[in-house]
Amino acid sequence: MEKINRHIDPLPKEFASEEEAAEFWDTHSITDYEEFLEPADLEFSLKGRHFEIEVDEKSFLALLVSAKRQHKPVKKLASDILKEKLAVV
C-alpha cells in the first residue's frame, strides 16, 4: 500500500509538560514517527484483575444509593456484597 504524500510535523525533542505531550499525540499518529521508536525493557506485575458484570437498572440504582450512604465507591460495595454472599456457598 502506497503512503500518501502529506505533511508530517517534526517530532519535538521534548515536551514542556505531560499535557503538551498528550495534545501532540491526540492529533498525531505514532506510525508517522516509527523511526524514532526504541525498544523498552519493561517489568510489571498484575496486582489484580477486574471483571465486568451486567446488572439491571433497579439493582444498580439501589447499589448507588447504598454506596453513597456508606461513603464507598460503587465497585467496592458491589465486590464486598458478592464476597459476603458467595462466602456461604
N, C-alpha and C. Protein backbone atom coordinates (compact mmCIF):
# COMPACT_ATOMS: atom_id res chain seq x y z
N MET A 1 0.84 -1.17 0.00
CA MET A 1 0.00 0.00 0.00
C MET A 1 0.89 1.25 0.00
N GLU A 2 0.64 2.16 -0.87
CA GLU A 2 1.43 3.37 -1.02
C GLU A 2 1.03 4.42 0.01
N LYS A 3 2.06 5.08 0.59
CA LYS A 3 1.76 6.17 1.52
C LYS A 3 1.42 7.41 0.72
N ILE A 4 0.43 8.13 1.16
CA ILE A 4 0.04 9.37 0.52
C ILE A 4 1.01 10.45 0.98
N ASN A 5 1.51 11.26 0.04
CA ASN A 5 2.40 12.36 0.42
C ASN A 5 1.60 13.40 1.20
N ARG A 6 1.98 13.58 2.44
CA ARG A 6 1.32 14.56 3.28
C ARG A 6 2.35 15.12 4.24
N HIS A 7 2.04 16.28 4.75
CA HIS A 7 2.95 16.94 5.68
C HIS A 7 2.91 16.24 7.03
N ILE A 8 4.08 15.92 7.57
CA ILE A 8 4.18 15.35 8.91
C ILE A 8 4.98 16.33 9.75
N ASP A 9 4.37 16.76 10.84
CA ASP A 9 5.05 17.70 11.74
C ASP A 9 6.30 17.06 12.33
N PRO A 10 7.35 17.84 12.54
CA PRO A 10 8.53 17.28 13.18
C PRO A 10 8.22 16.87 14.62
N LEU A 11 8.87 15.82 15.06
CA LEU A 11 8.69 15.35 16.43
C LEU A 11 9.48 16.27 17.36
N PRO A 12 8.83 16.87 18.34
CA PRO A 12 9.56 17.73 19.28
C PRO A 12 10.64 16.94 20.02
N LYS A 13 11.77 17.58 20.31
CA LYS A 13 12.85 16.91 21.05
C LYS A 13 12.37 16.58 22.46
N GLU A 14 11.54 17.44 23.04
CA GLU A 14 10.94 17.17 24.34
C GLU A 14 9.67 18.00 24.48
N PHE A 15 8.84 17.62 25.42
CA PHE A 15 7.60 18.34 25.69
C PHE A 15 7.74 19.06 27.02
N ALA A 16 7.16 20.23 27.11
CA ALA A 16 7.25 21.04 28.33
C ALA A 16 6.45 20.42 29.47
N SER A 17 5.43 19.63 29.14
CA SER A 17 4.58 19.03 30.17
C SER A 17 3.90 17.78 29.62
N GLU A 18 3.31 17.02 30.50
CA GLU A 18 2.55 15.84 30.07
C GLU A 18 1.35 16.28 29.23
N GLU A 19 0.76 17.41 29.59
CA GLU A 19 -0.39 17.92 28.84
C GLU A 19 -0.01 18.24 27.40
N GLU A 20 1.17 18.86 27.24
CA GLU A 20 1.64 19.20 25.89
C GLU A 20 1.88 17.92 25.08
N ALA A 21 2.45 16.91 25.70
CA ALA A 21 2.68 15.63 25.02
C ALA A 21 1.34 15.00 24.64
N ALA A 22 0.40 15.04 25.56
CA ALA A 22 -0.92 14.47 25.29
C ALA A 22 -1.60 15.16 24.13
N GLU A 23 -1.52 16.49 24.09
CA GLU A 23 -2.12 17.25 22.98
C GLU A 23 -1.47 16.86 21.65
N PHE A 24 -0.15 16.71 21.65
CA PHE A 24 0.55 16.34 20.42
C PHE A 24 0.07 14.97 19.94
N TRP A 25 0.09 13.97 20.84
CA TRP A 25 -0.26 12.61 20.42
C TRP A 25 -1.76 12.44 20.16
N ASP A 26 -2.59 13.34 20.69
CA ASP A 26 -4.02 13.30 20.36
C ASP A 26 -4.26 13.67 18.90
N THR A 27 -3.32 14.39 18.31
CA THR A 27 -3.52 14.88 16.93
C THR A 27 -2.50 14.32 15.94
N HIS A 28 -1.65 13.40 16.39
CA HIS A 28 -0.63 12.81 15.51
C HIS A 28 -0.63 11.29 15.67
N SER A 29 -0.22 10.59 14.62
CA SER A 29 -0.16 9.14 14.66
C SER A 29 1.27 8.67 14.92
N ILE A 30 1.41 7.74 15.84
CA ILE A 30 2.74 7.22 16.15
C ILE A 30 3.36 6.51 14.94
N THR A 31 2.52 6.03 14.04
CA THR A 31 3.05 5.35 12.85
C THR A 31 3.83 6.30 11.95
N ASP A 32 3.61 7.59 12.09
CA ASP A 32 4.38 8.57 11.31
C ASP A 32 5.78 8.79 11.89
N TYR A 33 6.04 8.25 13.06
CA TYR A 33 7.31 8.51 13.76
C TYR A 33 8.01 7.20 14.14
N GLU A 34 7.77 6.14 13.37
CA GLU A 34 8.34 4.83 13.69
C GLU A 34 9.86 4.84 13.79
N GLU A 35 10.53 5.67 13.00
CA GLU A 35 11.99 5.67 13.03
C GLU A 35 12.55 6.17 14.36
N PHE A 36 11.72 6.82 15.17
CA PHE A 36 12.16 7.32 16.47
C PHE A 36 11.87 6.35 17.62
N LEU A 37 11.14 5.29 17.33
CA LEU A 37 10.77 4.34 18.39
C LEU A 37 11.97 3.49 18.79
N GLU A 38 12.05 3.21 20.07
CA GLU A 38 13.11 2.36 20.61
C GLU A 38 12.46 1.27 21.45
N PRO A 39 13.07 0.07 21.45
CA PRO A 39 12.52 -0.98 22.30
C PRO A 39 12.64 -0.59 23.78
N ALA A 40 11.71 -1.03 24.57
CA ALA A 40 11.73 -0.75 26.01
C ALA A 40 11.75 -2.06 26.77
N ASP A 41 12.57 -2.13 27.79
CA ASP A 41 12.63 -3.31 28.65
C ASP A 41 11.78 -3.02 29.87
N LEU A 42 10.60 -3.61 29.92
CA LEU A 42 9.66 -3.33 30.99
C LEU A 42 9.40 -4.56 31.83
N GLU A 43 9.23 -4.35 33.12
CA GLU A 43 8.78 -5.41 34.01
C GLU A 43 7.55 -4.89 34.73
N PHE A 44 6.56 -5.75 34.88
CA PHE A 44 5.37 -5.34 35.60
C PHE A 44 4.71 -6.58 36.19
N SER A 45 3.87 -6.35 37.15
CA SER A 45 3.09 -7.45 37.71
C SER A 45 1.65 -6.97 37.83
N LEU A 46 0.75 -7.87 37.58
CA LEU A 46 -0.66 -7.54 37.71
C LEU A 46 -1.07 -7.74 39.16
N LYS A 47 -1.58 -6.70 39.76
CA LYS A 47 -1.98 -6.76 41.17
C LYS A 47 -3.35 -7.42 41.33
N GLY A 48 -4.15 -7.30 40.35
CA GLY A 48 -5.49 -7.88 40.43
C GLY A 48 -6.17 -7.79 39.09
N ARG A 49 -7.23 -8.51 38.96
CA ARG A 49 -7.99 -8.47 37.72
C ARG A 49 -9.36 -7.89 38.00
N HIS A 50 -9.91 -7.23 37.02
CA HIS A 50 -11.22 -6.62 37.16
C HIS A 50 -12.15 -7.22 36.12
N PHE A 51 -13.36 -7.50 36.52
CA PHE A 51 -14.35 -8.10 35.63
C PHE A 51 -15.58 -7.22 35.58
N GLU A 52 -16.27 -7.30 34.49
CA GLU A 52 -17.47 -6.50 34.29
C GLU A 52 -18.67 -7.45 34.29
N ILE A 53 -19.70 -7.09 35.03
CA ILE A 53 -20.93 -7.89 35.01
C ILE A 53 -22.11 -6.96 34.75
N GLU A 54 -23.15 -7.51 34.17
CA GLU A 54 -24.34 -6.72 33.91
C GLU A 54 -25.31 -6.86 35.08
N VAL A 55 -25.91 -5.76 35.46
CA VAL A 55 -26.97 -5.77 36.46
C VAL A 55 -28.13 -4.94 35.93
N ASP A 56 -29.31 -5.23 36.42
CA ASP A 56 -30.46 -4.46 35.97
C ASP A 56 -30.41 -3.07 36.60
N GLU A 57 -31.16 -2.15 36.01
CA GLU A 57 -31.13 -0.75 36.44
C GLU A 57 -31.56 -0.57 37.90
N LYS A 58 -32.60 -1.28 38.30
CA LYS A 58 -33.10 -1.14 39.67
C LYS A 58 -32.03 -1.56 40.68
N SER A 59 -31.33 -2.66 40.40
CA SER A 59 -30.27 -3.11 41.31
C SER A 59 -29.12 -2.12 41.34
N PHE A 60 -28.75 -1.58 40.18
CA PHE A 60 -27.65 -0.62 40.13
C PHE A 60 -28.00 0.64 40.90
N LEU A 61 -29.21 1.14 40.74
CA LEU A 61 -29.61 2.36 41.45
C LEU A 61 -29.61 2.13 42.96
N ALA A 62 -30.06 0.96 43.39
CA ALA A 62 -30.04 0.63 44.82
C ALA A 62 -28.60 0.55 45.32
N LEU A 63 -27.73 -0.02 44.52
CA LEU A 63 -26.31 -0.11 44.86
C LEU A 63 -25.69 1.28 44.96
N LEU A 64 -26.05 2.15 44.03
CA LEU A 64 -25.54 3.52 44.01
C LEU A 64 -25.96 4.29 45.27
N VAL A 65 -27.22 4.18 45.64
CA VAL A 65 -27.73 4.86 46.84
C VAL A 65 -27.02 4.33 48.08
N SER A 66 -26.89 3.02 48.16
CA SER A 66 -26.23 2.40 49.31
C SER A 66 -24.76 2.79 49.40
N ALA A 67 -24.08 2.84 48.27
CA ALA A 67 -22.67 3.23 48.24
C ALA A 67 -22.49 4.67 48.72
N LYS A 68 -23.37 5.56 48.27
CA LYS A 68 -23.30 6.96 48.72
C LYS A 68 -23.52 7.06 50.22
N ARG A 69 -24.48 6.30 50.73
CA ARG A 69 -24.78 6.31 52.16
C ARG A 69 -23.58 5.83 52.98
N GLN A 70 -22.86 4.84 52.44
CA GLN A 70 -21.72 4.25 53.15
C GLN A 70 -20.40 4.94 52.82
N HIS A 71 -20.46 5.94 51.94
CA HIS A 71 -19.24 6.65 51.51
C HIS A 71 -18.20 5.68 50.94
N LYS A 72 -18.69 4.80 50.06
CA LYS A 72 -17.82 3.82 49.40
C LYS A 72 -17.99 3.95 47.90
N PRO A 73 -16.96 3.61 47.13
CA PRO A 73 -17.15 3.53 45.69
C PRO A 73 -18.11 2.38 45.36
N VAL A 74 -18.89 2.55 44.32
CA VAL A 74 -19.87 1.53 43.93
C VAL A 74 -19.19 0.19 43.70
N LYS A 75 -18.04 0.19 43.01
CA LYS A 75 -17.38 -1.08 42.70
C LYS A 75 -16.90 -1.79 43.97
N LYS A 76 -16.49 -1.03 44.98
CA LYS A 76 -16.05 -1.63 46.25
C LYS A 76 -17.23 -2.26 46.97
N LEU A 77 -18.34 -1.53 47.02
CA LEU A 77 -19.53 -2.07 47.69
C LEU A 77 -20.04 -3.32 46.97
N ALA A 78 -20.08 -3.28 45.64
CA ALA A 78 -20.54 -4.44 44.88
C ALA A 78 -19.64 -5.65 45.13
N SER A 79 -18.35 -5.43 45.16
CA SER A 79 -17.40 -6.50 45.42
C SER A 79 -17.59 -7.06 46.83
N ASP A 80 -17.76 -6.18 47.80
CA ASP A 80 -17.97 -6.62 49.19
C ASP A 80 -19.24 -7.46 49.31
N ILE A 81 -20.31 -7.03 48.66
CA ILE A 81 -21.58 -7.77 48.72
C ILE A 81 -21.41 -9.15 48.10
N LEU A 82 -20.76 -9.21 46.93
CA LEU A 82 -20.55 -10.51 46.28
C LEU A 82 -19.70 -11.44 47.14
N LYS A 83 -18.64 -10.91 47.74
CA LYS A 83 -17.78 -11.75 48.61
C LYS A 83 -18.57 -12.28 49.78
N GLU A 84 -19.37 -11.41 50.39
CA GLU A 84 -20.16 -11.82 51.56
C GLU A 84 -21.17 -12.91 51.19
N LYS A 85 -21.90 -12.68 50.11
CA LYS A 85 -22.93 -13.64 49.70
C LYS A 85 -22.35 -14.96 49.22
N LEU A 86 -21.21 -14.90 48.53
CA LEU A 86 -20.62 -16.12 47.99
C LEU A 86 -19.80 -16.89 49.00
N ALA A 87 -19.47 -16.29 50.13
CA ALA A 87 -18.72 -16.99 51.18
C ALA A 87 -19.54 -18.12 51.75
N VAL A 88 -20.85 -18.01 51.67
CA VAL A 88 -21.76 -19.04 52.20
C VAL A 88 -21.73 -20.27 51.31
N VAL A 89 -21.48 -20.08 50.01
CA VAL A 89 -21.53 -21.19 49.03
C VAL A 89 -20.41 -22.17 49.27
